[in-house]
């Protein structure tokens, strides 16, 4: 088993050289893939990649989905930036020895944008609303009492009017428990082919110079350049300390090697009381261009409540400080768990 773990981490490291290729920064698209989900993880700056479990693990580390060993349903809503709102829905179930599977859908509400043309730069009176969707299918399995693995296949769609781009990406993750207190995790995210916009709105009708008035116009199609999706690699370490039967604290850090953005260290902590009330905090520490980063401090709280008969419900809230924008991120998440 130790050889298998060594092989897995070696593969992850090799792929990370691609995911963290700095030469590709500023050349990627589909940035919707970089918007995090789940109030619990956002409030800790996404640092618990090594121990995240259940449905929130789908985004951060799919290896953690099977660790929860239960069925769950989750809805999360984020007030993002520039009047953009994000909704996230996920369901997952444990299939005993087979492992766990999950489905997820992330969508953005951009609002109505006025349509302008060369002839009417102030607007035509009509509007359009872009659509950004990510649909994921996740499989996760606990291999031993220390090791779990998982992968997510994602369908990506961006539609603007009658023009759209579609693609797919793959996430893969592993979690390893050294002990009840210490764990390590690694992921590779958004590995997939390039995407390209195409559609009717890229066809432009134009007059042909020098022709007789009233002659048919010509039509040409703009050829859009393809773009890569924003891949990245994560390596995480987490530590848990039980002070007594009621009080527990967890600390974690994650290094993220990006191909689209600067590399970043995420730090987070979570304090829990009788595993029911939670206080959380986190910080994003960028390795370069610190003054230009818009995200830094995070905080949040949560509550878990057992309704009975193996049914539990949790409410989580997260706050993420945003620079250069008048409003910060506010995230609300509700989860139902069934044993």
C-alpha atoms as a PDB file:
ATOM      1  CA  UNK A   1       0.000   0.000   0.000  1.00  0.00           C
ATOM      2  CA  UNK A   2       2.876   2.388   0.733  1.00  0.00           C
ATOM      3  CA  UNK A   3       4.119   1.867  -2.831  1.00  0.00           C
ATOM      4  CA  UNK A   4       0.671   2.717  -4.183  1.00  0.00           C
ATOM      5  CA  UNK A   5       0.568   5.923  -2.140  1.00  0.00           C
ATOM      6  CA  UNK A   6       4.043   6.867  -3.377  1.00  0.00           C
ATOM      7  CA  UNK A   7       2.990   6.269  -6.981  1.00  0.00           C
ATOM      8  CA  UNK A   8      -0.181   8.355  -6.526  1.00  0.00           C
ATOM      9  CA  UNK A   9       1.678  11.346  -5.082  1.00  0.00           C
ATOM     10  CA  UNK A  10       4.363  11.044  -7.776  1.00  0.00           C
ATOM     11  CA  UNK A  11       1.687  11.222 -10.477  1.00  0.00           C
ATOM     12  CA  UNK A  12       0.138  14.233  -8.769  1.00  0.00           C
ATOM     13  CA  UNK A  13       3.495  15.986  -8.625  1.00  0.00           C
ATOM     14  CA  UNK A  14       4.179  15.290 -12.297  1.00  0.00           C
ATOM     15  CA  UNK A  15       0.814  16.654 -13.368  1.00  0.00           C
ATOM     16  CA  UNK A  16       1.322  19.678 -11.111  1.00  0.00           C
ATOM     17  CA  UNK A  17       4.160  20.790 -13.405  1.00  0.00           C
ATOM     18  CA  UNK A  18       1.486  21.230 -16.096  1.00  0.00           C
ATOM     19  CA  UNK A  19      -1.159  22.676 -13.788  1.00  0.00           C
ATOM     20  CA  UNK A  20       1.194  25.285 -12.367  1.00  0.00           C
ATOM     21  CA  UNK A  21       2.846  26.363 -15.636  1.00  0.00           C
ATOM     22  CA  UNK A  22       3.438  30.104 -15.092  1.00  0.00           C
ATOM     23  CA  UNK A  23       3.958  30.752 -18.813  1.00  0.00           C
ATOM     24  CA  UNK A  24       0.211  30.282 -19.322  1.00  0.00           C
ATOM     25  CA  UNK A  25      -0.924  32.934 -16.837  1.00  0.00           C
ATOM     26  CA  UNK A  26      -3.390  35.392 -18.261  1.00  0.00           C
ATOM     27  CA  UNK A  27      -4.203  33.110 -21.212  1.00  0.00           C
ATOM     28  CA  UNK A  28      -6.974  30.973 -19.701  1.00  0.00           C
ATOM     29  CA  UNK A  29     -10.743  31.321 -19.781  1.00  0.00           C
ATOM     30  CA  UNK A  30     -13.683  29.685 -18.001  1.00  0.00           C
ATOM     31  CA  UNK A  31     -12.806  31.494 -14.779  1.00  0.00           C
ATOM     32  CA  UNK A  32     -16.136  30.336 -13.349  1.00  0.00           C
ATOM     33  CA  UNK A  33     -14.231  27.170 -12.419  1.00  0.00           C
ATOM     34  CA  UNK A  34     -12.169  29.166  -9.903  1.00  0.00           C
ATOM     35  CA  UNK A  35     -15.124  30.476  -7.898  1.00  0.00           C
ATOM     36  CA  UNK A  36     -15.263  28.392  -4.685  1.00  0.00           C
ATOM     37  CA  UNK A  37     -18.407  26.853  -3.193  1.00  0.00           C
ATOM     38  CA  UNK A  38     -19.640  25.981   0.299  1.00  0.00           C
ATOM     39  CA  UNK A  39     -19.675  28.365   3.253  1.00  0.00           C
ATOM     40  CA  UNK A  40     -17.711  26.043   5.545  1.00  0.00           C
ATOM     41  CA  UNK A  41     -14.726  25.765   3.214  1.00  0.00           C
ATOM     42  CA  UNK A  42     -14.830  29.380   2.020  1.00  0.00           C
ATOM     43  CA  UNK A  43     -14.750  30.632   5.621  1.00  0.00           C
ATOM     44  CA  UNK A  44     -11.486  28.712   6.140  1.00  0.00           C
ATOM     45  CA  UNK A  45      -9.995  29.978   2.850  1.00  0.00           C
ATOM     46  CA  UNK A  46     -10.280  26.544   1.238  1.00  0.00           C
ATOM     47  CA  UNK A  47      -7.383  25.298   3.366  1.00  0.00           C
ATOM     48  CA  UNK A  48      -8.815  21.937   4.522  1.00  0.00           C
ATOM     49  CA  UNK A  49      -8.116  20.046   1.305  1.00  0.00           C
ATOM     50  CA  UNK A  50      -6.545  17.264   3.383  1.00  0.00           C
ATOM     51  CA  UNK A  51      -9.659  16.581   5.486  1.00  0.00           C
ATOM     52  CA  UNK A  52     -12.695  18.079   3.704  1.00  0.00           C
ATOM     53  CA  UNK A  53     -15.450  15.482   3.400  1.00  0.00           C
ATOM     54  CA  UNK A  54     -18.985  15.112   2.150  1.00  0.00           C
ATOM     55  CA  UNK A  55     -20.439  17.204  -0.637  1.00  0.00           C
ATOM     56  CA  UNK A  56     -18.101  20.192  -0.144  1.00  0.00           C
ATOM     57  CA  UNK A  57     -15.258  17.830  -1.033  1.00  0.00           C
ATOM     58  CA  UNK A  58     -16.540  17.668  -4.622  1.00  0.00           C
ATOM     59  CA  UNK A  59     -15.029  21.095  -5.346  1.00  0.00           C
ATOM     60  CA  UNK A  60     -11.982  21.034  -3.043  1.00  0.00           C
ATOM     61  CA  UNK A  61     -10.890  17.384  -3.036  1.00  0.00           C
ATOM     62  CA  UNK A  62     -13.193  14.663  -4.437  1.00  0.00           C
ATOM     63  CA  UNK A  63     -11.331  12.065  -2.366  1.00  0.00           C
ATOM     64  CA  UNK A  64     -13.270  13.268   0.673  1.00  0.00           C
ATOM     65  CA  UNK A  65     -16.748  12.490  -0.641  1.00  0.00           C
ATOM     66  CA  UNK A  66     -16.685   8.851   0.507  1.00  0.00           C
ATOM     67  CA  UNK A  67     -15.161   9.747   3.885  1.00  0.00           C
ATOM     68  CA  UNK A  68     -18.533  11.064   5.079  1.00  0.00           C
ATOM     69  CA  UNK A  69     -20.079   7.584   4.595  1.00  0.00           C
ATOM     70  CA  UNK A  70     -23.610   8.977   4.186  1.00  0.00           C
ATOM     71  CA  UNK A  71     -26.106  10.476   1.759  1.00  0.00           C
ATOM     72  CA  UNK A  72     -26.306  14.275   1.568  1.00  0.00           C
ATOM     73  CA  UNK A  73     -28.033  17.126  -0.208  1.00  0.00           C
ATOM     74  CA  UNK A  74     -26.556  20.619  -0.331  1.00  0.00           C
ATOM     75  CA  UNK A  75     -27.568  24.079  -1.526  1.00  0.00           C
ATOM     76  CA  UNK A  76     -25.230  27.068  -1.422  1.00  0.00           C
ATOM     77  CA  UNK A  77     -25.714  30.680  -2.483  1.00  0.00           C
ATOM     78  CA  UNK A  78     -23.014  33.327  -2.869  1.00  0.00           C
ATOM     79  CA  UNK A  79     -23.334  37.069  -3.338  1.00  0.00           C
ATOM     80  CA  UNK A  80     -20.206  37.346  -5.493  1.00  0.00           C
ATOM     81  CA  UNK A  81     -18.842  40.544  -7.098  1.00  0.00           C
ATOM     82  CA  UNK A  82     -20.176  43.090  -9.610  1.00  0.00           C
ATOM     83  CA  UNK A  83     -23.809  42.107  -8.875  1.00  0.00           C
ATOM     84  CA  UNK A  84     -23.093  38.501  -9.857  1.00  0.00           C
ATOM     85  CA  UNK A  85     -24.686  35.747  -7.786  1.00  0.00           C
ATOM     86  CA  UNK A  86     -23.766  32.069  -7.739  1.00  0.00           C
ATOM     87  CA  UNK A  87     -25.930  29.062  -6.865  1.00  0.00           C
ATOM     88  CA  UNK A  88     -24.610  25.575  -6.181  1.00  0.00           C
ATOM     89  CA  UNK A  89     -26.610  22.359  -5.786  1.00  0.00           C
ATOM     90  CA  UNK A  90     -25.161  18.923  -5.027  1.00  0.00           C
ATOM     91  CA  UNK A  91     -26.412  15.504  -3.991  1.00  0.00           C
ATOM     92  CA  UNK A  92     -24.398  12.448  -3.060  1.00  0.00           C
ATOM     93  CA  UNK A  93     -24.858   8.975  -1.682  1.00  0.00           C
ATOM     94  CA  UNK A  94     -22.747   6.180  -0.246  1.00  0.00           C
ATOM     95  CA  UNK A  95     -23.016   2.828  -2.037  1.00  0.00           C
ATOM     96  CA  UNK A  96     -21.362   0.662   0.607  1.00  0.00           C
ATOM     97  CA  UNK A  97     -18.247  -1.135  -0.682  1.00  0.00           C
ATOM     98  CA  UNK A  98     -18.540   0.446  -4.130  1.00  0.00           C
ATOM     99  CA  UNK A  99     -17.790   3.909  -2.746  1.00  0.00           C
ATOM    100  CA  UNK A 100     -19.716   7.162  -3.081  1.00  0.00           C
ATOM    101  CA  UNK A 101     -21.026   9.109  -6.056  1.00  0.00           C
ATOM    102  CA  UNK A 102     -22.175  12.706  -6.306  1.00  0.00           C
ATOM    103  CA  UNK A 103     -23.776  15.109  -8.759  1.00  0.00           C
ATOM    104  CA  UNK A 104     -23.209  18.861  -8.674  1.00  0.00           C
ATOM    105  CA  UNK A 105     -24.392  21.910 -10.578  1.00  0.00           C
ATOM    106  CA  UNK A 106     -22.910  25.409 -10.333  1.00  0.00           C
ATOM    107  CA  UNK A 107     -24.584  28.321 -12.099  1.00  0.00           C
ATOM    108  CA  UNK A 108     -24.186  32.101 -12.218  1.00  0.00           C
ATOM    109  CA  UNK A 109     -26.775  34.858 -12.380  1.00  0.00           C
ATOM    110  CA  UNK A 110     -25.106  37.746 -14.203  1.00  0.00           C
ATOM    111  CA  UNK A 111     -28.289  39.765 -14.699  1.00  0.00           C
ATOM    112  CA  UNK A 112     -29.485  41.611 -17.799  1.00  0.00           C
ATOM    113  CA  UNK A 113     -26.858  43.429 -19.880  1.00  0.00           C
ATOM    114  CA  UNK A 114     -27.889  46.095 -22.465  1.00  0.00           C
ATOM    115  CA  UNK A 115     -27.225  45.211 -26.106  1.00  0.00           C
ATOM    116  CA  UNK A 116     -25.139  47.815 -27.953  1.00  0.00           C
ATOM    117  CA  UNK A 117     -24.086  48.021 -31.611  1.00  0.00           C
ATOM    118  CA  UNK A 118     -21.802  50.188 -33.720  1.00  0.00           C
ATOM    119  CA  UNK A 119     -24.847  52.135 -34.857  1.00  0.00           C
ATOM    120  CA  UNK A 120     -26.438  52.300 -31.384  1.00  0.00           C
ATOM    121  CA  UNK A 121     -23.589  52.510 -28.850  1.00  0.00           C
ATOM    122  CA  UNK A 122     -25.994  53.664 -26.121  1.00  0.00           C
ATOM    123  CA  UNK A 123     -28.082  50.532 -26.481  1.00  0.00           C
ATOM    124  CA  UNK A 124     -30.807  49.075 -28.654  1.00  0.00           C
ATOM    125  CA  UNK A 125     -33.334  48.794 -25.849  1.00  0.00           C
ATOM    126  CA  UNK A 126     -32.860  45.026 -25.658  1.00  0.00           C
ATOM    127  CA  UNK A 127     -30.825  43.005 -23.158  1.00  0.00           C
ATOM    128  CA  UNK A 128     -29.087  39.655 -22.917  1.00  0.00           C
ATOM    129  CA  UNK A 129     -28.062  37.478 -19.982  1.00  0.00           C
ATOM    130  CA  UNK A 130     -24.998  35.197 -20.211  1.00  0.00           C
ATOM    131  CA  UNK A 131     -25.264  31.660 -18.865  1.00  0.00           C
ATOM    132  CA  UNK A 132     -22.373  29.918 -17.118  1.00  0.00           C
ATOM    133  CA  UNK A 133     -22.876  26.320 -15.984  1.00  0.00           C
ATOM    134  CA  UNK A 134     -20.658  23.575 -14.598  1.00  0.00           C
ATOM    135  CA  UNK A 135     -22.117  20.081 -14.182  1.00  0.00           C
ATOM    136  CA  UNK A 136     -20.041  17.510 -12.309  1.00  0.00           C
ATOM    137  CA  UNK A 137     -20.116  13.749 -11.704  1.00  0.00           C
ATOM    138  CA  UNK A 138     -17.933  12.567  -8.806  1.00  0.00           C
ATOM    139  CA  UNK A 139     -16.744   9.138  -7.687  1.00  0.00           C
ATOM    140  CA  UNK A 140     -14.873   8.579  -4.424  1.00  0.00           C
ATOM    141  CA  UNK A 141     -13.722   5.539  -2.473  1.00  0.00           C
ATOM    142  CA  UNK A 142     -11.952   4.795   0.794  1.00  0.00           C
ATOM    143  CA  UNK A 143      -9.169   2.343  -0.064  1.00  0.00           C
ATOM    144  CA  UNK A 144      -7.951   1.680   3.477  1.00  0.00           C
ATOM    145  CA  UNK A 145      -8.510   3.147   6.934  1.00  0.00           C
ATOM    146  CA  UNK A 146      -5.924   5.796   5.980  1.00  0.00           C
ATOM    147  CA  UNK A 147      -6.341   6.423   2.244  1.00  0.00           C
ATOM    148  CA  UNK A 148      -9.192   7.739   0.112  1.00  0.00           C
ATOM    149  CA  UNK A 149      -9.220   8.759  -3.556  1.00  0.00           C
ATOM    150  CA  UNK A 150     -11.699  10.487  -5.828  1.00  0.00           C
ATOM    151  CA  UNK A 151     -12.266  12.090  -9.205  1.00  0.00           C
ATOM    152  CA  UNK A 152     -14.764  14.476 -10.770  1.00  0.00           C
ATOM    153  CA  UNK A 153     -15.611  14.822 -14.455  1.00  0.00           C
ATOM    154  CA  UNK A 154     -17.052  18.249 -15.275  1.00  0.00           C
ATOM    155  CA  UNK A 155     -19.066  19.498 -18.228  1.00  0.00           C
ATOM    156  CA  UNK A 156     -18.506  23.229 -18.772  1.00  0.00           C
ATOM    157  CA  UNK A 157     -20.747  25.557 -20.747  1.00  0.00           C
ATOM    158  CA  UNK A 158     -20.630  29.307 -21.362  1.00  0.00           C
ATOM    159  CA  UNK A 159     -23.362  30.885 -23.484  1.00  0.00           C
ATOM    160  CA  UNK A 160     -23.590  34.535 -24.516  1.00  0.00           C
ATOM    161  CA  UNK A 161     -26.558  35.203 -26.771  1.00  0.00           C
ATOM    162  CA  UNK A 162     -26.322  32.825 -29.717  1.00  0.00           C
ATOM    163  CA  UNK A 163     -22.645  32.089 -29.120  1.00  0.00           C
ATOM    164  CA  UNK A 164     -21.350  29.419 -26.769  1.00  0.00           C
ATOM    165  CA  UNK A 165     -18.314  27.404 -25.716  1.00  0.00           C
ATOM    166  CA  UNK A 166     -18.390  23.923 -24.234  1.00  0.00           C
ATOM    167  CA  UNK A 167     -15.713  21.732 -22.755  1.00  0.00           C
ATOM    168  CA  UNK A 168     -14.900  19.333 -19.971  1.00  0.00           C
ATOM    169  CA  UNK A 169     -12.372  19.046 -17.175  1.00  0.00           C
ATOM    170  CA  UNK A 170     -11.191  16.437 -14.703  1.00  0.00           C
ATOM    171  CA  UNK A 171     -10.347  16.817 -11.010  1.00  0.00           C
ATOM    172  CA  UNK A 172      -8.553  14.099  -9.044  1.00  0.00           C
ATOM    173  CA  UNK A 173      -7.615  13.955  -5.386  1.00  0.00           C
ATOM    174  CA  UNK A 174      -6.162  11.837  -2.620  1.00  0.00           C
ATOM    175  CA  UNK A 175      -6.265  12.081   1.184  1.00  0.00           C
ATOM    176  CA  UNK A 176      -3.930  10.264   3.558  1.00  0.00           C
ATOM    177  CA  UNK A 177      -4.365  10.046   7.346  1.00  0.00           C
ATOM    178  CA  UNK A 178      -1.082   9.727   9.216  1.00  0.00           C
ATOM    179  CA  UNK A 179      -3.030   9.507  12.478  1.00  0.00           C
ATOM    180  CA  UNK A 180      -6.258  10.709  14.045  1.00  0.00           C
ATOM    181  CA  UNK A 181      -4.664  14.151  14.291  1.00  0.00           C
ATOM    182  CA  UNK A 182      -2.566  14.639  11.161  1.00  0.00           C
ATOM    183  CA  UNK A 183      -3.542  14.327   7.495  1.00  0.00           C
ATOM    184  CA  UNK A 184      -2.208  15.267   4.072  1.00  0.00           C
ATOM    185  CA  UNK A 185      -4.055  15.762   0.795  1.00  0.00           C
ATOM    186  CA  UNK A 186      -3.320  16.609  -2.826  1.00  0.00           C
ATOM    187  CA  UNK A 187      -5.409  17.445  -5.888  1.00  0.00           C
ATOM    188  CA  UNK A 188      -5.067  18.309  -9.545  1.00  0.00           C
ATOM    189  CA  UNK A 189      -7.945  20.391 -10.871  1.00  0.00           C
ATOM    190  CA  UNK A 190      -9.381  21.346 -14.258  1.00  0.00           C
ATOM    191  CA  UNK A 191      -7.270  19.175 -16.513  1.00  0.00           C
ATOM    192  CA  UNK A 192      -8.894  19.192 -19.935  1.00  0.00           C
ATOM    193  CA  UNK A 193      -8.791  20.317 -23.564  1.00  0.00           C
ATOM    194  CA  UNK A 194      -9.136  23.868 -24.834  1.00  0.00           C
ATOM    195  CA  UNK A 195     -12.508  25.555 -25.330  1.00  0.00           C
ATOM    196  CA  UNK A 196     -13.596  27.688 -28.298  1.00  0.00           C
ATOM    197  CA  UNK A 197     -16.545  30.023 -28.801  1.00  0.00           C
ATOM    198  CA  UNK A 198     -18.718  29.499 -31.877  1.00  0.00           C
ATOM    199  CA  UNK A 199     -22.210  30.419 -32.981  1.00  0.00           C
ATOM    200  CA  UNK A 200     -24.482  32.622 -35.011  1.00  0.00           C
ATOM    201  CA  UNK A 201     -23.461  35.881 -33.321  1.00  0.00           C
ATOM    202  CA  UNK A 202     -19.944  35.498 -34.711  1.00  0.00           C
ATOM    203  CA  UNK A 203     -21.326  35.830 -38.252  1.00  0.00           C
ATOM    204  CA  UNK A 204     -21.142  39.461 -39.356  1.00  0.00           C
ATOM    205  CA  UNK A 205     -23.036  40.935 -42.309  1.00  0.00           C
ATOM    206  CA  UNK A 206     -21.249  43.726 -44.121  1.00  0.00           C
ATOM    207  CA  UNK A 207     -21.533  45.790 -47.273  1.00  0.00           C
ATOM    208  CA  UNK A 208     -19.095  45.164 -50.110  1.00  0.00           C
ATOM    209  CA  UNK A 209     -17.261  48.384 -51.108  1.00  0.00           C
ATOM    210  CA  UNK A 210     -17.609  49.462 -54.747  1.00  0.00           C
ATOM    211  CA  UNK A 211     -20.757  47.472 -55.498  1.00  0.00           C
ATOM    212  CA  UNK A 212     -24.019  48.827 -56.852  1.00  0.00           C
ATOM    213  CA  UNK A 213     -26.368  50.249 -54.230  1.00  0.00           C
ATOM    214  CA  UNK A 214     -28.867  47.578 -53.250  1.00  0.00           C
ATOM    215  CA  UNK A 215     -26.545  44.700 -54.129  1.00  0.00           C
ATOM    216  CA  UNK A 216     -26.493  41.793 -51.664  1.00  0.00           C
ATOM    217  CA  UNK A 217     -24.260  42.232 -48.633  1.00  0.00           C
ATOM    218  CA  UNK A 218     -21.422  39.882 -47.797  1.00  0.00           C
ATOM    219  CA  UNK A 219     -21.150  37.792 -44.657  1.00  0.00           C
ATOM    220  CA  UNK A 220     -18.043  36.694 -42.823  1.00  0.00           C
ATOM    221  CA  UNK A 221     -17.555  34.696 -39.634  1.00  0.00           C
ATOM    222  CA  UNK A 222     -15.198  35.719 -36.869  1.00  0.00           C
ATOM    223  CA  UNK A 223     -12.931  32.819 -35.932  1.00  0.00           C
ATOM    224  CA  UNK A 224     -12.561  32.808 -32.145  1.00  0.00           C
ATOM    225  CA  UNK A 225      -9.252  31.713 -30.679  1.00  0.00           C
ATOM    226  CA  UNK A 226      -9.340  28.703 -28.371  1.00  0.00           C
ATOM    227  CA  UNK A 227      -8.459  29.081 -24.697  1.00  0.00           C
ATOM    228  CA  UNK A 228      -7.283  26.804 -21.923  1.00  0.00           C
ATOM    229  CA  UNK A 229      -9.212  26.164 -18.726  1.00  0.00           C
ATOM    230  CA  UNK A 230      -7.537  27.311 -15.462  1.00  0.00           C
ATOM    231  CA  UNK A 231      -5.795  24.244 -14.047  1.00  0.00           C
ATOM    232  CA  UNK A 232      -4.056  24.153 -10.674  1.00  0.00           C
ATOM    233  CA  UNK A 233      -2.411  21.816  -8.146  1.00  0.00           C
ATOM    234  CA  UNK A 234      -3.015  21.728  -4.380  1.00  0.00           C
ATOM    235  CA  UNK A 235      -0.996  20.237  -1.529  1.00  0.00           C
ATOM    236  CA  UNK A 236      -2.515  20.401   1.950  1.00  0.00           C
ATOM    237  CA  UNK A 237      -1.659  19.572   5.560  1.00  0.00           C
ATOM    238  CA  UNK A 238      -4.234  19.507   8.378  1.00  0.00           C
ATOM    239  CA  UNK A 239      -3.994  19.011  12.148  1.00  0.00           C
ATOM    240  CA  UNK A 240      -6.738  18.304  14.703  1.00  0.00           C
ATOM    241  CA  UNK A 241      -6.554  18.678  18.478  1.00  0.00           C
ATOM    242  CA  UNK A 242      -9.244  17.547  20.927  1.00  0.00           C
ATOM    243  CA  UNK A 243      -8.892  19.508  24.161  1.00  0.00           C
ATOM    244  CA  UNK A 244     -11.662  17.481  25.788  1.00  0.00           C
ATOM    245  CA  UNK A 245     -14.916  15.789  24.795  1.00  0.00           C
ATOM    246  CA  UNK A 246     -16.553  19.137  24.009  1.00  0.00           C
ATOM    247  CA  UNK A 247     -13.869  21.380  22.511  1.00  0.00           C
ATOM    248  CA  UNK A 248     -11.928  20.751  19.318  1.00  0.00           C
ATOM    249  CA  UNK A 249      -9.759  22.860  17.041  1.00  0.00           C
ATOM    250  CA  UNK A 250      -8.523  22.114  13.527  1.00  0.00           C
ATOM    251  CA  UNK A 251      -5.706  23.895  11.692  1.00  0.00           C
ATOM    252  CA  UNK A 252      -4.783  23.563   8.030  1.00  0.00           C
ATOM    253  CA  UNK A 253      -2.737  25.058   5.245  1.00  0.00           C
ATOM    254  CA  UNK A 254      -2.843  24.463   1.493  1.00  0.00           C
ATOM    255  CA  UNK A 255      -0.422  25.525  -1.207  1.00  0.00           C
ATOM    256  CA  UNK A 256      -2.047  26.206  -4.583  1.00  0.00           C
ATOM    257  CA  UNK A 257       0.091  26.281  -7.742  1.00  0.00           C
ATOM    258  CA  UNK A 258      -1.935  28.066 -10.417  1.00  0.00           C
ATOM    259  CA  UNK A 259      -1.514  28.359 -14.157  1.00  0.00           C
ATOM    260  CA  UNK A 260      -3.992  31.246 -14.353  1.00  0.00           C
ATOM    261  CA  UNK A 261      -3.232  33.261 -11.200  1.00  0.00           C
ATOM    262  CA  UNK A 262      -0.395  33.781  -8.759  1.00  0.00           C
ATOM    263  CA  UNK A 263       0.424  30.914  -6.432  1.00  0.00           C
ATOM    264  CA  UNK A 264      -1.150  31.184  -2.985  1.00  0.00           C
ATOM    265  CA  UNK A 265      -0.920  29.747   0.522  1.00  0.00           C
ATOM    266  CA  UNK A 266      -4.302  29.279   2.205  1.00  0.00           C
ATOM    267  CA  UNK A 267      -4.492  29.149   6.001  1.00  0.00           C
ATOM    268  CA  UNK A 268      -7.559  28.205   8.036  1.00  0.00           C
ATOM    269  CA  UNK A 269      -8.814  27.165  11.445  1.00  0.00           C
ATOM    270  CA  UNK A 270     -12.068  25.806  12.819  1.00  0.00           C
ATOM    271  CA  UNK A 271     -13.166  25.652  16.446  1.00  0.00           C
ATOM    272  CA  UNK A 272     -16.073  23.383  17.345  1.00  0.00           C
ATOM    273  CA  UNK A 273     -18.074  22.991  20.534  1.00  0.00           C
ATOM    274  CA  UNK A 274     -19.724  19.588  21.104  1.00  0.00           C
ATOM    275  CA  UNK A 275     -19.491  19.149  17.325  1.00  0.00           C
ATOM    276  CA  UNK A 276     -22.538  21.400  16.999  1.00  0.00           C
ATOM    277  CA  UNK A 277     -21.385  25.032  17.040  1.00  0.00           C
ATOM    278  CA  UNK A 278     -18.500  26.181  14.834  1.00  0.00           C
ATOM    279  CA  UNK A 279     -16.373  29.303  14.475  1.00  0.00           C
ATOM    280  CA  UNK A 280     -14.015  29.590  11.500  1.00  0.00           C
ATOM    281  CA  UNK A 281     -11.409  31.873   9.989  1.00  0.00           C
ATOM    282  CA  UNK A 282      -8.909  31.902   7.151  1.00  0.00           C
ATOM    283  CA  UNK A 283      -6.473  33.913   5.079  1.00  0.00           C
ATOM    284  CA  UNK A 284      -5.191  33.861   1.474  1.00  0.00           C
ATOM    285  CA  UNK A 285      -1.479  34.698   1.294  1.00  0.00           C
ATOM    286  CA  UNK A 286      -0.320  35.308  -2.283  1.00  0.00           C
ATOM    287  CA  UNK A 287       3.310  34.693  -3.184  1.00  0.00           C
ATOM    288  CA  UNK A 288       3.449  37.503  -5.768  1.00  0.00           C
ATOM    289  CA  UNK A 289       1.615  40.757  -6.515  1.00  0.00           C
ATOM    290  CA  UNK A 290       0.145  40.833  -3.005  1.00  0.00           C
ATOM    291  CA  UNK A 291      -1.190  44.372  -3.405  1.00  0.00           C
ATOM    292  CA  UNK A 292      -3.107  43.364  -6.551  1.00  0.00           C
ATOM    293  CA  UNK A 293      -4.957  40.397  -5.010  1.00  0.00           C
ATOM    294  CA  UNK A 294      -8.619  41.075  -4.224  1.00  0.00           C
ATOM    295  CA  UNK A 295      -9.244  38.250  -1.717  1.00  0.00           C
ATOM    296  CA  UNK A 296      -7.564  37.939   1.683  1.00  0.00           C
ATOM    297  CA  UNK A 297      -9.413  37.515   4.994  1.00  0.00           C
ATOM    298  CA  UNK A 298     -12.277  35.042   5.514  1.00  0.00           C
ATOM    299  CA  UNK A 299     -14.499  34.190   8.477  1.00  0.00           C
ATOM    300  CA  UNK A 300     -17.672  32.293   9.259  1.00  0.00           C
ATOM    301  CA  UNK A 301     -19.784  30.235  11.601  1.00  0.00           C
ATOM    302  CA  UNK A 302     -22.024  27.202  11.473  1.00  0.00           C
ATOM    303  CA  UNK A 303     -24.365  24.957  13.365  1.00  0.00           C
ATOM    304  CA  UNK A 304     -25.154  21.239  13.050  1.00  0.00           C
ATOM    305  CA  UNK A 305     -28.415  19.846  14.376  1.00  0.00           C
ATOM    306  CA  UNK A 306     -29.561  16.243  14.553  1.00  0.00           C
ATOM    307  CA  UNK A 307     -33.279  16.021  13.853  1.00  0.00           C
ATOM    308  CA  UNK A 308     -33.404  12.344  14.731  1.00  0.00           C
ATOM    309  CA  UNK A 309     -33.702   9.003  12.977  1.00  0.00           C
ATOM    310  CA  UNK A 310     -30.304   9.535  11.332  1.00  0.00           C
ATOM    311  CA  UNK A 311     -31.227  12.884   9.766  1.00  0.00           C
ATOM    312  CA  UNK A 312     -29.070  15.943  10.305  1.00  0.00           C
ATOM    313  CA  UNK A 313     -29.198  19.519   9.063  1.00  0.00           C
ATOM    314  CA  UNK A 314     -26.462  22.145   9.033  1.00  0.00           C
ATOM    315  CA  UNK A 315     -26.427  25.876   8.374  1.00  0.00           C
ATOM    316  CA  UNK A 316     -23.164  27.628   7.497  1.00  0.00           C
ATOM    317  CA  UNK A 317     -22.278  31.238   6.756  1.00  0.00           C
ATOM    318  CA  UNK A 318     -19.064  32.649   5.304  1.00  0.00           C
ATOM    319  CA  UNK A 319     -17.699  36.148   4.804  1.00  0.00           C
ATOM    320  CA  UNK A 320     -14.844  36.836   2.381  1.00  0.00           C
ATOM    321  CA  UNK A 321     -13.223  40.244   2.247  1.00  0.00           C
ATOM    322  CA  UNK A 322     -12.994  41.675  -1.278  1.00  0.00           C
ATOM    323  CA  UNK A 323     -10.750  44.585  -2.221  1.00  0.00           C
ATOM    324  CA  UNK A 324     -11.528  47.090  -4.987  1.00  0.00           C
ATOM    325  CA  UNK A 325     -15.257  46.261  -4.873  1.00  0.00           C
ATOM    326  CA  UNK A 326     -17.965  47.974  -2.791  1.00  0.00           C
ATOM    327  CA  UNK A 327     -19.332  44.687  -1.413  1.00  0.00           C
ATOM    328  CA  UNK A 328     -17.686  41.586   0.010  1.00  0.00           C
ATOM    329  CA  UNK A 329     -18.708  37.965  -0.556  1.00  0.00           C
ATOM    330  CA  UNK A 330     -21.497  36.557   1.605  1.00  0.00           C
ATOM    331  CA  UNK A 331     -22.116  32.814   1.358  1.00  0.00           C
ATOM    332  CA  UNK A 332     -24.992  30.769   2.797  1.00  0.00           C
ATOM    333  CA  UNK A 333     -25.102  26.964   2.754  1.00  0.00           C
ATOM    334  CA  UNK A 334     -27.719  24.445   3.886  1.00  0.00           C
ATOM    335  CA  UNK A 335     -27.009  20.709   4.027  1.00  0.00           C
ATOM    336  CA  UNK A 336     -29.144  17.687   4.837  1.00  0.00           C
ATOM    337  CA  UNK A 337     -27.481  14.429   5.852  1.00  0.00           C
ATOM    338  CA  UNK A 338     -28.988  10.941   5.932  1.00  0.00           C
ATOM    339  CA  UNK A 339     -27.242   8.016   7.600  1.00  0.00           C
END
